[in-house]
Amino acid sequence: MTRSRRDAGDRAPCPLGVCDGSGWILGPEDVARPCKCRERVVARARLAGVASVIPAKYRGVSFDRPPVTQINEIVVRRVREFTDRIGENLDSGRGLWFFGGAGTGKTTLAMLVSRLALEAGRSVAIYSLPKMLARIRRTYDAEAGEQSYIEFFERLTGVDLLHLDDLGAENRTEWVIEQLYALVNERYESQRSLVVTTNLDQGDLEEQIGERVVSRLVEICGDPLPIFDDDRRLRVSAEVAGSLGESAGDAGSLGPLDH
């Protein structure tokens, strides 16, 4: 068996059912043109060097089980509507912005969106904002052969969905504001989606990261989705404990559900 035949046999099928999985369509006179699925293949290749794995704590998150079933149903319905049309929303550069205090479920909902985007074959980068900024700083000291600032920035702006957690959880500096604006503005101009979480309301967030950045967030995500609730980390219910395979008496050992 030749190498080309073996590779073709092992090739994943086209997610759109159009090409043979190669990303190319053979037209008249043997002229090849790119299949639409090729854009997704290229986008996944750009993920090298960025975090795109759902943390273990959130891999089982679902609309049908706690803690999502305990979150404000109006907000959950909005998330379900967004994910039901995940492809269309990502292609259009639309996003979601969750605002609420600690333990309200905003990170859980954002991770649910990211998980469903990954399951739909889309490229996703997931960072808490402090960790992303630390990663950017490390590129300044990159040696030959290591990922440069430009390479990392292009990957952050090129993925289908960028998930930023804890927006506003960093010290306000001109450098932080400029990094955020450059990233959010580039994604806005190229119609790339964002999902963000923050503990700050819009006014406080503008004070922390600047009005220009927040203005772009509104353009991409619309108004923030507020989530108000008691801190579930202090009261794991018997229902949650049961869904995780624990007895109610062991509920206190489950630890935080969200942040």
Protein backbone atom coordinates (compact mmCIF):
# COMPACT_ATOMS: atom_id res chain seq x y z
CA MET A 1 0.00 0.00 0.00
CA THR A 2 1.42 3.39 -0.93
CA ARG A 3 1.88 6.13 1.63
CA SER A 4 -0.66 8.41 -0.10
CA ARG A 5 -3.33 5.70 -0.03
CA ARG A 6 -2.64 4.92 3.60
CA ASP A 7 -2.87 8.58 4.54
CA ALA A 8 -6.14 8.96 2.61
CA GLY A 9 -7.60 5.95 4.40
CA ASP A 10 -6.67 7.34 7.80
CA ARG A 11 -7.93 10.82 6.96
CA ALA A 12 -10.82 12.20 8.98
CA PRO A 13 -13.98 12.78 6.91
CA CYS A 14 -14.99 16.26 5.88
CA PRO A 15 -17.19 17.68 8.69
CA LEU A 16 -19.34 19.33 6.01
CA GLY A 17 -19.64 16.17 3.89
CA VAL A 18 -18.32 17.98 0.82
CA CYS A 19 -14.71 16.93 0.14
CA ASP A 20 -12.85 13.65 0.77
CA GLY A 21 -11.36 14.98 4.01
CA SER A 22 -8.31 16.51 2.33
CA GLY A 23 -9.73 20.03 2.43
CA TRP A 24 -9.76 20.27 -1.37
CA ILE A 25 -12.44 19.73 -4.03
CA LEU A 26 -11.41 18.57 -7.48
CA GLY A 27 -13.27 20.53 -10.13
CA PRO A 28 -13.38 20.59 -13.94
CA GLU A 29 -10.10 20.02 -15.75
CA ASP A 30 -8.61 18.65 -12.51
CA VAL A 31 -8.46 22.11 -10.96
CA ALA A 32 -8.65 21.93 -7.16
CA ARG A 33 -10.36 24.53 -5.01
CA PRO A 34 -10.36 24.70 -1.20
CA CYS A 35 -13.29 23.21 0.69
CA LYS A 36 -14.85 25.33 3.42
CA CYS A 37 -13.68 22.76 5.97
CA ARG A 38 -10.08 23.73 5.18
CA GLU A 39 -10.48 26.93 7.16
CA ARG A 40 -11.24 24.86 10.25
CA VAL A 41 -8.23 22.62 9.67
CA VAL A 42 -5.97 25.65 9.37
CA ALA A 43 -7.53 27.20 12.48
CA ARG A 44 -6.86 24.04 14.50
CA ALA A 45 -3.24 24.07 13.33
CA ARG A 46 -2.91 27.57 14.75
CA LEU A 47 -3.73 26.21 18.21
CA ALA A 48 -0.15 25.02 18.69
CA GLY A 49 1.12 26.88 21.75
CA VAL A 50 -2.26 28.01 23.15
CA ALA A 51 -4.39 26.46 25.88
CA SER A 52 -7.43 24.77 24.35
CA VAL A 53 -8.26 21.97 26.79
CA ILE A 54 -11.34 22.12 29.01
CA PRO A 55 -10.12 21.79 32.64
CA ALA A 56 -11.00 18.43 34.15
CA LYS A 57 -13.38 20.10 36.62
CA TYR A 58 -15.63 21.27 33.76
CA ARG A 59 -15.48 18.40 31.27
CA GLY A 60 -18.80 16.94 32.41
CA VAL A 61 -20.68 20.24 32.44
CA SER A 62 -24.11 19.95 30.81
CA PHE A 63 -27.41 21.76 30.51
CA ASP A 64 -29.10 18.76 32.13
CA ARG A 65 -27.21 18.48 35.41
CA PRO A 66 -26.09 20.64 38.33
CA PRO A 67 -24.68 23.17 38.71
CA VAL A 68 -26.15 24.45 35.41
CA THR A 69 -29.67 23.38 36.44
CA GLN A 70 -29.31 25.61 39.53
CA ILE A 71 -28.32 28.75 37.62
CA ASN A 72 -30.83 31.45 36.66
CA GLU A 73 -32.98 29.85 33.97
CA ILE A 74 -33.21 33.04 31.89
CA VAL A 75 -29.43 33.19 31.54
CA VAL A 76 -29.19 29.46 30.86
CA ARG A 77 -31.85 29.78 28.15
CA ARG A 78 -29.78 32.53 26.50
CA VAL A 79 -26.71 30.28 26.55
CA ARG A 80 -28.67 27.35 25.10
CA GLU A 81 -29.95 29.56 22.28
CA PHE A 82 -26.39 30.66 21.53
CA THR A 83 -24.99 27.11 21.51
CA ASP A 84 -27.89 25.72 19.48
CA ARG A 85 -26.58 27.94 16.67
CA ILE A 86 -22.92 27.75 17.66
CA GLY A 87 -21.62 27.55 14.09
CA GLU A 88 -23.61 30.54 12.88
CA ASN A 89 -22.70 32.61 15.94
CA LEU A 90 -18.98 31.86 15.67
CA ASP A 91 -18.98 32.55 11.95
CA SER A 92 -20.63 35.91 12.64
CA GLY A 93 -18.20 36.81 15.44
CA ARG A 94 -20.87 36.96 18.15
CA GLY A 95 -20.03 36.18 21.76
CA LEU A 96 -21.23 36.14 25.36
CA TRP A 97 -20.27 38.14 28.44
CA PHE A 98 -21.07 36.80 31.92
CA PHE A 99 -21.04 39.07 34.96
CA GLY A 100 -21.53 37.97 38.56
CA GLY A 101 -19.96 37.39 41.93
CA ALA A 102 -17.90 34.40 43.00
CA GLY A 103 -19.71 31.07 42.81
CA THR A 104 -22.64 32.23 40.66
CA GLY A 105 -21.86 29.82 37.80
CA LYS A 106 -20.45 32.22 35.20
CA THR A 107 -17.29 30.19 34.62
CA THR A 108 -19.34 26.98 34.37
CA LEU A 109 -21.52 28.50 31.64
CA ALA A 110 -18.51 29.88 29.77
CA MET A 111 -16.83 26.47 29.88
CA LEU A 112 -20.03 24.89 28.58
CA VAL A 113 -19.95 27.22 25.57
CA SER A 114 -16.28 26.42 24.95
CA ARG A 115 -16.86 22.67 25.26
CA LEU A 116 -19.72 22.72 22.76
CA ALA A 117 -17.64 24.82 20.35
CA LEU A 118 -14.84 22.24 20.54
CA GLU A 119 -17.33 19.42 19.99
CA ALA A 120 -18.54 21.28 16.89
CA GLY A 121 -15.01 21.06 15.49
CA ARG A 122 -14.10 24.68 16.19
CA SER A 123 -10.80 26.01 17.52
CA VAL A 124 -10.91 27.44 21.04
CA ALA A 125 -8.32 29.08 23.29
CA ILE A 126 -9.08 29.20 27.03
CA TYR A 127 -7.27 31.48 29.46
CA SER A 128 -7.80 33.31 32.70
CA LEU A 129 -6.73 36.85 31.94
CA PRO A 130 -3.83 36.90 34.45
CA LYS A 131 -2.42 33.69 32.95
CA MET A 132 -2.75 34.98 29.41
CA LEU A 133 -0.93 38.20 30.29
CA ALA A 134 1.81 36.18 32.00
CA ARG A 135 2.11 34.08 28.84
CA ILE A 136 2.44 37.23 26.73
CA ARG A 137 5.18 38.54 29.03
CA ARG A 138 7.15 35.31 28.61
CA THR A 139 7.29 35.83 24.86
CA TYR A 140 9.42 38.92 25.43
CA ASP A 141 12.24 36.66 26.66
CA ALA A 142 11.70 33.99 24.00
CA GLU A 143 14.86 32.53 22.52
CA ALA A 144 15.37 31.40 18.95
CA GLY A 145 12.91 28.62 18.11
CA GLU A 146 10.47 29.55 20.90
CA GLN A 147 7.11 31.15 20.28
CA SER A 148 7.40 34.89 19.68
CA TYR A 149 4.95 37.59 20.72
CA ILE A 150 3.67 37.95 17.16
CA GLU A 151 3.13 34.19 16.81
CA PHE A 152 1.25 33.96 20.09
CA PHE A 153 -0.83 37.05 19.34
CA GLU A 154 -1.78 35.69 15.91
CA ARG A 155 -2.91 32.42 17.45
CA LEU A 156 -5.02 34.23 20.04
CA THR A 157 -6.65 36.34 17.36
CA GLY A 158 -7.02 33.50 14.87
CA VAL A 159 -8.97 30.89 16.84
CA ASP A 160 -12.72 30.63 16.32
CA LEU A 161 -13.49 31.31 19.99
CA LEU A 162 -11.35 33.01 22.63
CA HIS A 163 -12.49 32.31 26.20
CA LEU A 164 -11.21 34.83 28.76
CA ASP A 165 -11.97 34.19 32.42
CA ASP A 166 -11.63 36.71 35.28
CA LEU A 167 -11.57 39.82 33.12
CA GLY A 168 -10.56 42.72 35.37
CA ALA A 169 -8.68 40.49 37.85
CA GLU A 170 -5.33 42.10 37.02
CA ASN A 171 -3.68 45.32 38.14
CA ARG A 172 -4.56 48.26 35.93
CA THR A 173 -1.53 49.42 33.93
CA GLU A 174 -1.18 51.07 30.55
CA TRP A 175 0.52 47.91 29.29
CA VAL A 176 -2.42 45.71 30.34
CA ILE A 177 -4.95 48.05 28.75
CA GLU A 178 -3.01 48.24 25.47
CA GLN A 179 -2.61 44.44 25.30
CA LEU A 180 -6.31 43.92 25.90
CA TYR A 181 -7.38 46.53 23.40
CA ALA A 182 -5.06 45.20 20.70
CA LEU A 183 -6.42 41.68 21.20
CA VAL A 184 -10.14 42.50 21.54
CA ASN A 185 -10.07 45.06 18.74
CA GLU A 186 -8.35 42.63 16.35
CA ARG A 187 -10.97 39.99 17.08
CA TYR A 188 -13.73 42.56 16.61
CA GLU A 189 -12.38 43.68 13.23
CA SER A 190 -11.91 40.11 12.00
CA GLN A 191 -15.34 39.02 13.35
CA ARG A 192 -13.99 36.47 15.82
CA SER A 193 -16.04 35.41 18.84
CA LEU A 194 -15.31 35.99 22.51
CA VAL A 195 -16.76 34.53 25.69
CA VAL A 196 -15.72 36.39 28.83
CA THR A 197 -16.44 36.29 32.56
CA THR A 198 -15.92 39.02 35.12
CA ASN A 199 -16.79 39.88 38.72
CA LEU A 200 -17.11 43.56 37.78
CA ASP A 201 -20.15 45.41 36.51
CA GLN A 202 -19.76 47.44 33.32
CA GLY A 203 -18.86 50.69 35.05
CA ASP A 204 -16.20 49.10 37.26
CA LEU A 205 -14.85 47.13 34.31
CA GLU A 206 -14.46 50.33 32.29
CA GLU A 207 -12.51 51.78 35.20
CA GLN A 208 -10.28 48.70 35.35
CA ILE A 209 -9.55 47.92 31.69
CA GLY A 210 -10.61 51.08 29.87
CA GLU A 211 -13.68 52.28 28.02
CA ARG A 212 -12.27 51.35 24.60
CA VAL A 213 -11.91 47.69 25.54
CA VAL A 214 -15.38 47.51 27.10
CA SER A 215 -16.90 49.25 24.07
CA ARG A 216 -15.48 46.53 21.81
CA LEU A 217 -16.76 43.83 24.19
CA VAL A 218 -20.27 45.27 23.90
CA GLU A 219 -19.96 45.25 20.10
CA ILE A 220 -19.01 41.56 20.12
CA CYS A 221 -21.04 40.20 23.04
CA GLY A 222 -23.88 42.64 23.52
CA ASP A 223 -24.88 43.56 27.07
CA PRO A 224 -23.45 41.42 29.88
CA LEU A 225 -25.56 38.56 31.21
CA PRO A 226 -25.83 39.12 34.98
CA ILE A 227 -25.94 36.12 37.29
CA PHE A 228 -26.91 36.71 40.92
CA ASP A 229 -27.07 33.91 43.47
CA ASP A 230 -25.67 32.77 46.79
CA ASP A 231 -22.16 31.40 46.66
CA ARG A 232 -22.76 27.72 45.85
CA ARG A 233 -19.30 26.85 47.07
CA LEU A 234 -20.59 27.29 50.61
CA ARG A 235 -23.64 25.06 50.22
CA VAL A 236 -23.23 22.02 48.02
CA SER A 237 -26.70 20.49 47.92
CA ALA A 238 -27.60 16.84 48.24
CA GLU A 239 -28.73 16.96 44.61
CA VAL A 240 -25.28 18.07 43.46
CA ALA A 241 -23.57 15.54 45.68
CA GLY A 242 -25.75 12.76 44.27
CA SER A 243 -25.07 13.80 40.68
CA LEU A 244 -21.34 13.55 41.38
CA GLY A 245 -21.66 10.11 42.92
CA GLU A 246 -21.18 11.25 46.52
CA SER A 247 -23.38 10.82 49.54
CA ALA A 248 -24.97 13.90 51.07
CA GLY A 249 -22.81 13.39 54.12
CA ASP A 250 -19.68 13.74 52.00
CA ALA A 251 -20.89 16.88 50.23
CA GLY A 252 -18.57 19.13 52.17
CA SER A 253 -15.53 17.40 50.67
CA LEU A 254 -16.48 18.21 47.07
CA GLY A 255 -14.78 21.61 47.02
CA PRO A 256 -15.57 24.62 44.85
CA LEU A 257 -18.00 24.21 41.99
CA ASP A 258 -17.15 27.45 40.27
CA HIS A 259 -15.28 30.70 40.61
